[in-house]
N, C-alpha and C. Protein backbone atom coordinates (compact mmCIF):
# COMPACT_ATOMS: atom_id res chain seq x y z
N MET A 1 26.11 15.24 3.09
CA MET A 1 27.07 14.52 3.90
C MET A 1 26.48 13.18 4.29
N SER A 2 27.15 12.11 4.00
CA SER A 2 26.64 10.80 4.37
C SER A 2 27.27 10.35 5.67
N GLN A 3 26.69 9.33 6.27
CA GLN A 3 27.20 8.85 7.55
C GLN A 3 28.61 8.32 7.43
N GLN A 4 29.03 7.90 6.24
CA GLN A 4 30.36 7.36 6.05
C GLN A 4 31.40 8.47 5.89
N SER A 5 30.98 9.69 5.69
CA SER A 5 31.90 10.81 5.49
C SER A 5 32.58 11.17 6.81
N GLU A 6 33.22 12.29 6.78
CA GLU A 6 33.90 12.82 7.94
C GLU A 6 32.97 12.82 9.16
N SER A 7 33.51 12.42 10.30
CA SER A 7 32.71 12.34 11.52
C SER A 7 32.38 13.74 12.03
N PRO A 8 31.15 13.97 12.45
CA PRO A 8 30.76 15.29 12.98
C PRO A 8 31.48 15.59 14.30
N GLN A 9 31.54 16.84 14.63
CA GLN A 9 32.08 17.28 15.92
C GLN A 9 30.92 17.27 16.92
N TRP A 10 30.83 16.24 17.73
CA TRP A 10 29.73 16.13 18.69
C TRP A 10 29.90 17.20 19.77
N GLN A 11 28.78 17.78 20.17
CA GLN A 11 28.80 18.91 21.10
C GLN A 11 28.30 18.48 22.48
N PRO A 12 28.82 19.10 23.53
CA PRO A 12 28.32 18.81 24.87
C PRO A 12 26.93 19.42 25.06
N ILE A 13 26.22 18.90 26.02
CA ILE A 13 24.84 19.35 26.24
C ILE A 13 24.76 20.83 26.60
N ARG A 14 25.83 21.40 27.12
CA ARG A 14 25.80 22.82 27.51
C ARG A 14 25.59 23.76 26.33
N VAL A 15 25.79 23.29 25.10
CA VAL A 15 25.57 24.15 23.93
C VAL A 15 24.20 23.91 23.28
N MET A 16 23.37 23.09 23.94
CA MET A 16 22.06 22.78 23.38
C MET A 16 21.24 24.05 23.13
N HIS A 17 21.35 25.04 23.99
CA HIS A 17 20.57 26.27 23.83
C HIS A 17 20.86 26.95 22.49
N GLU A 18 22.04 26.72 21.92
CA GLU A 18 22.38 27.29 20.61
C GLU A 18 21.72 26.51 19.48
N CYS A 19 21.44 25.25 19.72
CA CYS A 19 20.85 24.38 18.71
C CYS A 19 19.35 24.61 18.55
N ILE A 20 18.70 25.01 19.62
CA ILE A 20 17.24 25.15 19.62
C ILE A 20 16.75 26.13 18.54
N PRO A 21 17.26 27.37 18.48
CA PRO A 21 16.77 28.28 17.43
C PRO A 21 17.15 27.81 16.02
N MET A 22 18.26 27.10 15.91
CA MET A 22 18.68 26.60 14.60
C MET A 22 17.68 25.56 14.08
N VAL A 23 17.28 24.63 14.94
CA VAL A 23 16.32 23.60 14.54
C VAL A 23 14.95 24.22 14.29
N ASP A 24 14.53 25.12 15.17
CA ASP A 24 13.23 25.79 14.99
C ASP A 24 13.20 26.58 13.68
N GLY A 25 14.29 27.28 13.37
CA GLY A 25 14.36 28.04 12.13
C GLY A 25 14.34 27.15 10.91
N MET A 26 15.03 26.03 11.01
CA MET A 26 15.04 25.07 9.90
C MET A 26 13.64 24.53 9.64
N LEU A 27 12.92 24.20 10.73
CA LEU A 27 11.56 23.70 10.57
C LEU A 27 10.67 24.75 9.90
N GLU A 28 10.77 25.98 10.35
CA GLU A 28 9.96 27.05 9.76
C GLU A 28 10.25 27.21 8.27
N GLU A 29 11.53 27.20 7.90
CA GLU A 29 11.92 27.36 6.50
C GLU A 29 11.45 26.19 5.65
N VAL A 30 11.61 24.98 6.16
CA VAL A 30 11.23 23.78 5.40
C VAL A 30 9.71 23.72 5.23
N GLN A 31 8.97 24.07 6.27
CA GLN A 31 7.51 24.08 6.15
C GLN A 31 7.05 25.14 5.15
N SER A 32 7.71 26.28 5.14
CA SER A 32 7.38 27.33 4.16
C SER A 32 7.66 26.84 2.74
N GLN A 33 8.80 26.20 2.55
CA GLN A 33 9.13 25.67 1.22
C GLN A 33 8.16 24.57 0.82
N HIS A 34 7.72 23.76 1.78
CA HIS A 34 6.74 22.71 1.47
C HIS A 34 5.45 23.34 0.97
N SER A 35 5.01 24.41 1.62
CA SER A 35 3.81 25.12 1.15
C SER A 35 4.01 25.67 -0.25
N ASN A 36 5.19 26.24 -0.50
CA ASN A 36 5.50 26.74 -1.85
C ASN A 36 5.44 25.63 -2.88
N MET A 37 5.96 24.48 -2.54
CA MET A 37 5.99 23.36 -3.48
C MET A 37 4.59 22.79 -3.71
N LEU A 38 3.73 22.84 -2.70
CA LEU A 38 2.34 22.41 -2.90
C LEU A 38 1.66 23.32 -3.92
N GLU A 39 1.96 24.62 -3.86
CA GLU A 39 1.42 25.56 -4.85
C GLU A 39 2.01 25.27 -6.23
N ALA A 40 3.30 25.01 -6.28
CA ALA A 40 3.96 24.71 -7.56
C ALA A 40 3.42 23.43 -8.18
N GLN A 41 3.01 22.51 -7.33
CA GLN A 41 2.46 21.24 -7.83
C GLN A 41 1.18 21.47 -8.62
N LYS A 42 0.45 22.52 -8.28
CA LYS A 42 -0.78 22.85 -9.00
C LYS A 42 -0.48 23.43 -10.38
N LYS A 43 0.69 24.05 -10.52
CA LYS A 43 1.08 24.68 -11.79
C LYS A 43 2.54 24.35 -12.10
N PRO A 44 2.84 23.08 -12.33
CA PRO A 44 4.24 22.68 -12.53
C PRO A 44 4.90 23.34 -13.74
N HIS A 45 4.09 23.74 -14.71
CA HIS A 45 4.64 24.38 -15.91
C HIS A 45 5.27 25.74 -15.62
N THR A 46 5.04 26.28 -14.42
CA THR A 46 5.66 27.55 -14.05
C THR A 46 7.06 27.36 -13.48
N MET A 47 7.45 26.11 -13.27
CA MET A 47 8.78 25.81 -12.73
C MET A 47 9.76 25.52 -13.86
N ASP A 48 11.03 25.82 -13.62
CA ASP A 48 12.05 25.50 -14.63
C ASP A 48 12.97 24.40 -14.09
N ASP A 49 13.69 23.77 -14.99
CA ASP A 49 14.54 22.64 -14.62
C ASP A 49 15.61 23.03 -13.60
N ALA A 50 16.20 24.21 -13.74
CA ALA A 50 17.26 24.63 -12.82
C ALA A 50 16.74 24.78 -11.40
N THR A 51 15.55 25.35 -11.26
CA THR A 51 14.96 25.51 -9.93
C THR A 51 14.65 24.15 -9.32
N ILE A 52 14.09 23.27 -10.12
CA ILE A 52 13.78 21.92 -9.64
C ILE A 52 15.06 21.22 -9.18
N GLN A 53 16.12 21.32 -9.97
CA GLN A 53 17.37 20.66 -9.60
C GLN A 53 17.95 21.25 -8.32
N ARG A 54 17.83 22.56 -8.17
CA ARG A 54 18.32 23.22 -6.95
C ARG A 54 17.54 22.74 -5.73
N VAL A 55 16.24 22.62 -5.85
CA VAL A 55 15.42 22.11 -4.75
C VAL A 55 15.84 20.69 -4.40
N ILE A 56 16.03 19.86 -5.41
CA ILE A 56 16.46 18.48 -5.17
C ILE A 56 17.80 18.47 -4.44
N ASP A 57 18.75 19.24 -4.92
CA ASP A 57 20.09 19.26 -4.31
C ASP A 57 20.06 19.72 -2.86
N VAL A 58 19.41 20.86 -2.61
CA VAL A 58 19.41 21.45 -1.28
C VAL A 58 18.66 20.58 -0.28
N TYR A 59 17.46 20.15 -0.64
CA TYR A 59 16.64 19.44 0.34
C TYR A 59 17.02 17.97 0.49
N SER A 60 17.64 17.39 -0.52
CA SER A 60 18.20 16.04 -0.36
C SER A 60 19.36 16.07 0.62
N GLU A 61 20.20 17.09 0.49
CA GLU A 61 21.34 17.22 1.41
C GLU A 61 20.85 17.44 2.84
N GLN A 62 19.85 18.28 3.01
CA GLN A 62 19.31 18.50 4.36
C GLN A 62 18.74 17.20 4.92
N HIS A 63 18.03 16.45 4.09
CA HIS A 63 17.44 15.19 4.53
C HIS A 63 18.52 14.20 4.96
N GLU A 64 19.58 14.13 4.18
CA GLU A 64 20.68 13.22 4.50
C GLU A 64 21.42 13.63 5.77
N PHE A 65 21.35 14.88 6.15
CA PHE A 65 22.06 15.40 7.32
C PHE A 65 21.29 15.18 8.62
N LEU A 66 20.02 14.84 8.56
CA LEU A 66 19.20 14.73 9.77
C LEU A 66 19.73 13.70 10.76
N TRP A 67 20.42 12.68 10.26
CA TRP A 67 20.97 11.67 11.18
C TRP A 67 21.92 12.31 12.19
N VAL A 68 22.59 13.41 11.81
CA VAL A 68 23.52 14.07 12.72
C VAL A 68 22.76 14.65 13.90
N TYR A 69 21.64 15.31 13.63
CA TYR A 69 20.81 15.83 14.72
C TYR A 69 20.34 14.70 15.62
N ARG A 70 19.83 13.65 15.01
CA ARG A 70 19.30 12.53 15.80
C ARG A 70 20.38 11.93 16.70
N GLU A 71 21.56 11.75 16.15
CA GLU A 71 22.67 11.19 16.93
C GLU A 71 23.10 12.15 18.03
N GLN A 72 23.14 13.45 17.73
CA GLN A 72 23.51 14.43 18.75
C GLN A 72 22.52 14.40 19.91
N PHE A 73 21.24 14.35 19.59
CA PHE A 73 20.23 14.33 20.65
C PHE A 73 20.36 13.06 21.48
N SER A 74 20.63 11.94 20.85
CA SER A 74 20.83 10.67 21.55
C SER A 74 22.02 10.77 22.50
N ARG A 75 23.08 11.39 22.05
CA ARG A 75 24.27 11.57 22.90
C ARG A 75 23.95 12.47 24.09
N TRP A 76 23.18 13.53 23.86
CA TRP A 76 22.82 14.40 24.97
C TRP A 76 21.99 13.66 26.01
N LYS A 77 21.13 12.78 25.58
CA LYS A 77 20.33 12.01 26.53
C LYS A 77 21.20 11.14 27.43
N GLN A 78 22.35 10.75 26.93
CA GLN A 78 23.27 9.91 27.70
C GLN A 78 24.12 10.72 28.68
N GLU A 79 24.04 12.04 28.62
CA GLU A 79 24.82 12.92 29.49
C GLU A 79 24.09 13.26 30.79
N SER A 80 23.09 12.52 31.17
CA SER A 80 22.30 12.78 32.38
C SER A 80 21.75 14.21 32.39
N PRO A 81 20.89 14.51 31.43
CA PRO A 81 20.34 15.87 31.35
C PRO A 81 19.40 16.18 32.52
N SER A 82 19.27 17.46 32.82
CA SER A 82 18.30 17.89 33.82
C SER A 82 16.90 17.66 33.25
N PRO A 83 15.86 17.71 34.09
CA PRO A 83 14.50 17.54 33.56
C PRO A 83 14.17 18.54 32.45
N GLN A 84 14.59 19.80 32.59
CA GLN A 84 14.32 20.80 31.55
C GLN A 84 15.10 20.48 30.28
N GLN A 85 16.35 20.07 30.44
CA GLN A 85 17.14 19.71 29.27
C GLN A 85 16.53 18.52 28.54
N LEU A 86 16.06 17.54 29.30
CA LEU A 86 15.43 16.37 28.68
C LEU A 86 14.17 16.78 27.92
N LYS A 87 13.40 17.67 28.52
CA LYS A 87 12.21 18.19 27.85
C LYS A 87 12.59 18.87 26.53
N ASP A 88 13.66 19.67 26.56
CA ASP A 88 14.12 20.36 25.36
C ASP A 88 14.62 19.37 24.30
N ILE A 89 15.32 18.34 24.73
CA ILE A 89 15.82 17.32 23.79
C ILE A 89 14.64 16.63 23.10
N ILE A 90 13.64 16.28 23.88
CA ILE A 90 12.46 15.60 23.31
C ILE A 90 11.77 16.51 22.31
N ARG A 91 11.66 17.79 22.64
CA ARG A 91 11.04 18.74 21.70
C ARG A 91 11.88 18.86 20.42
N LEU A 92 13.19 18.91 20.56
CA LEU A 92 14.07 18.97 19.39
C LEU A 92 13.90 17.72 18.52
N GLU A 93 13.80 16.57 19.16
CA GLU A 93 13.58 15.33 18.40
C GLU A 93 12.28 15.40 17.61
N GLN A 94 11.24 15.92 18.24
CA GLN A 94 9.95 16.06 17.56
C GLN A 94 10.05 17.06 16.40
N GLN A 95 10.79 18.14 16.60
CA GLN A 95 10.98 19.12 15.54
C GLN A 95 11.71 18.49 14.35
N VAL A 96 12.73 17.69 14.63
CA VAL A 96 13.49 17.05 13.56
C VAL A 96 12.60 16.07 12.80
N GLU A 97 11.70 15.39 13.48
CA GLU A 97 10.78 14.48 12.77
C GLU A 97 9.84 15.27 11.87
N LYS A 98 9.39 16.43 12.33
CA LYS A 98 8.55 17.29 11.48
C LYS A 98 9.35 17.79 10.27
N ILE A 99 10.62 18.11 10.49
CA ILE A 99 11.49 18.52 9.39
C ILE A 99 11.61 17.39 8.38
N ALA A 100 11.83 16.18 8.88
CA ALA A 100 11.97 15.01 8.00
C ALA A 100 10.72 14.82 7.16
N GLN A 101 9.55 14.95 7.78
CA GLN A 101 8.29 14.79 7.04
C GLN A 101 8.15 15.86 5.97
N ALA A 102 8.46 17.10 6.31
CA ALA A 102 8.34 18.19 5.33
C ALA A 102 9.34 18.00 4.19
N LEU A 103 10.57 17.59 4.52
CA LEU A 103 11.57 17.36 3.48
C LEU A 103 11.14 16.23 2.55
N THR A 104 10.61 15.17 3.12
CA THR A 104 10.12 14.06 2.30
C THR A 104 8.99 14.54 1.39
N GLY A 105 8.10 15.37 1.94
CA GLY A 105 7.02 15.93 1.13
C GLY A 105 7.55 16.78 -0.02
N ILE A 106 8.53 17.63 0.26
CA ILE A 106 9.13 18.46 -0.78
C ILE A 106 9.73 17.59 -1.87
N LEU A 107 10.51 16.60 -1.48
CA LEU A 107 11.18 15.75 -2.46
C LEU A 107 10.18 14.92 -3.26
N ASN A 108 9.09 14.49 -2.64
CA ASN A 108 8.06 13.76 -3.37
C ASN A 108 7.37 14.66 -4.40
N ILE A 109 7.08 15.88 -4.01
CA ILE A 109 6.44 16.82 -4.94
C ILE A 109 7.36 17.10 -6.12
N VAL A 110 8.62 17.36 -5.84
CA VAL A 110 9.58 17.66 -6.90
C VAL A 110 9.71 16.47 -7.85
N ASP A 111 9.71 15.27 -7.29
CA ASP A 111 9.78 14.08 -8.13
C ASP A 111 8.56 14.00 -9.05
N ASP A 112 7.41 14.41 -8.52
CA ASP A 112 6.18 14.39 -9.30
C ASP A 112 6.18 15.42 -10.43
N ILE A 113 6.75 16.59 -10.19
CA ILE A 113 6.64 17.67 -11.18
C ILE A 113 7.88 17.86 -12.04
N LYS A 114 8.95 17.15 -11.78
CA LYS A 114 10.20 17.40 -12.51
C LYS A 114 10.08 17.17 -14.02
N ASP A 115 9.15 16.34 -14.44
CA ASP A 115 8.95 16.10 -15.87
C ASP A 115 7.84 16.96 -16.46
N LYS A 116 7.37 17.94 -15.68
CA LYS A 116 6.28 18.81 -16.13
C LYS A 116 6.68 20.28 -16.12
N THR A 117 7.99 20.54 -16.12
CA THR A 117 8.49 21.92 -16.09
C THR A 117 8.28 22.58 -17.45
N ILE A 118 8.51 23.88 -17.48
CA ILE A 118 8.34 24.63 -18.72
C ILE A 118 9.25 24.08 -19.82
N GLU A 119 10.49 23.71 -19.47
CA GLU A 119 11.40 23.17 -20.48
C GLU A 119 10.90 21.85 -21.06
N SER A 120 10.36 21.00 -20.19
CA SER A 120 9.88 19.71 -20.70
C SER A 120 8.66 19.90 -21.60
N ILE A 121 7.83 20.88 -21.29
CA ILE A 121 6.66 21.15 -22.13
C ILE A 121 7.08 21.75 -23.47
N LEU A 122 8.00 22.71 -23.42
CA LEU A 122 8.46 23.34 -24.67
C LEU A 122 9.22 22.36 -25.56
N GLY A 123 9.78 21.33 -24.98
CA GLY A 123 10.54 20.35 -25.75
C GLY A 123 9.68 19.29 -26.41
N LYS A 124 8.37 19.31 -26.18
CA LYS A 124 7.48 18.30 -26.76
C LYS A 124 6.82 18.82 -28.03
N SER A 125 6.52 17.87 -28.88
CA SER A 125 5.77 18.22 -30.09
C SER A 125 4.31 18.46 -29.72
N ASP A 126 3.56 19.05 -30.63
CA ASP A 126 2.13 19.27 -30.40
C ASP A 126 1.43 17.95 -30.14
N MET A 127 1.82 16.91 -30.88
CA MET A 127 1.21 15.58 -30.71
C MET A 127 1.50 15.03 -29.31
N GLU A 128 2.74 15.16 -28.86
CA GLU A 128 3.10 14.66 -27.53
C GLU A 128 2.33 15.41 -26.44
N LEU A 129 2.20 16.72 -26.60
CA LEU A 129 1.44 17.50 -25.63
C LEU A 129 -0.02 17.08 -25.61
N ALA A 130 -0.60 16.92 -26.78
CA ALA A 130 -2.00 16.50 -26.87
C ALA A 130 -2.19 15.14 -26.20
N MET A 131 -1.29 14.23 -26.44
CA MET A 131 -1.39 12.89 -25.83
C MET A 131 -1.26 12.97 -24.31
N ASP A 132 -0.33 13.78 -23.83
CA ASP A 132 -0.16 13.94 -22.38
C ASP A 132 -1.43 14.50 -21.74
N VAL A 133 -2.05 15.48 -22.40
CA VAL A 133 -3.28 16.07 -21.86
C VAL A 133 -4.40 15.04 -21.89
N LEU A 134 -4.56 14.34 -23.01
CA LEU A 134 -5.63 13.35 -23.13
C LEU A 134 -5.45 12.17 -22.18
N MET A 135 -4.21 11.81 -21.91
CA MET A 135 -3.93 10.68 -21.02
C MET A 135 -3.98 11.10 -19.54
N GLY A 136 -4.14 12.39 -19.29
CA GLY A 136 -4.19 12.87 -17.91
C GLY A 136 -2.81 13.07 -17.28
N ASN A 137 -1.76 12.96 -18.08
CA ASN A 137 -0.40 13.15 -17.56
C ASN A 137 -0.04 14.62 -17.42
N LEU A 138 -0.79 15.49 -18.07
CA LEU A 138 -0.53 16.92 -18.05
C LEU A 138 -1.86 17.65 -18.01
N LYS A 139 -1.99 18.54 -17.02
CA LYS A 139 -3.22 19.32 -16.92
C LYS A 139 -3.09 20.58 -17.76
N MET A 140 -4.19 20.99 -18.34
CA MET A 140 -4.21 22.24 -19.09
C MET A 140 -4.05 23.39 -18.10
N PRO A 141 -3.26 24.41 -18.46
CA PRO A 141 -3.14 25.57 -17.57
C PRO A 141 -4.50 26.22 -17.36
N GLU A 142 -4.71 26.71 -16.16
CA GLU A 142 -5.99 27.35 -15.82
C GLU A 142 -5.96 28.82 -16.08
């Protein structure tokens, strides 16, 4: 969803307590996927094109949606929150920044390995594979 698309339904601060576990869960999931992708980066030949494309689609969409959280938190700050609510908003903002960093990391890793999947390796000639290995573009499986 881009910022030019349909306008989000902005929520009053009284529903913030429902947003907290959602953001915390998203951070946990994205950090877990980032760890998985760091492992995949060591052995990109174990990944297939469909999985890579799915990761790109899902995590690009999540990354593009973060502006909605940021705008919602900004709106809540303008509603004269209590000290505890303000503390929670600040924590949510920090969580969203961690999510953004992890999503960027995932997308950078996928960009790095998308041309090193099993399909891309199987589609190369022996000469192309040898050149990739000799040029350092492809590591030999361990």
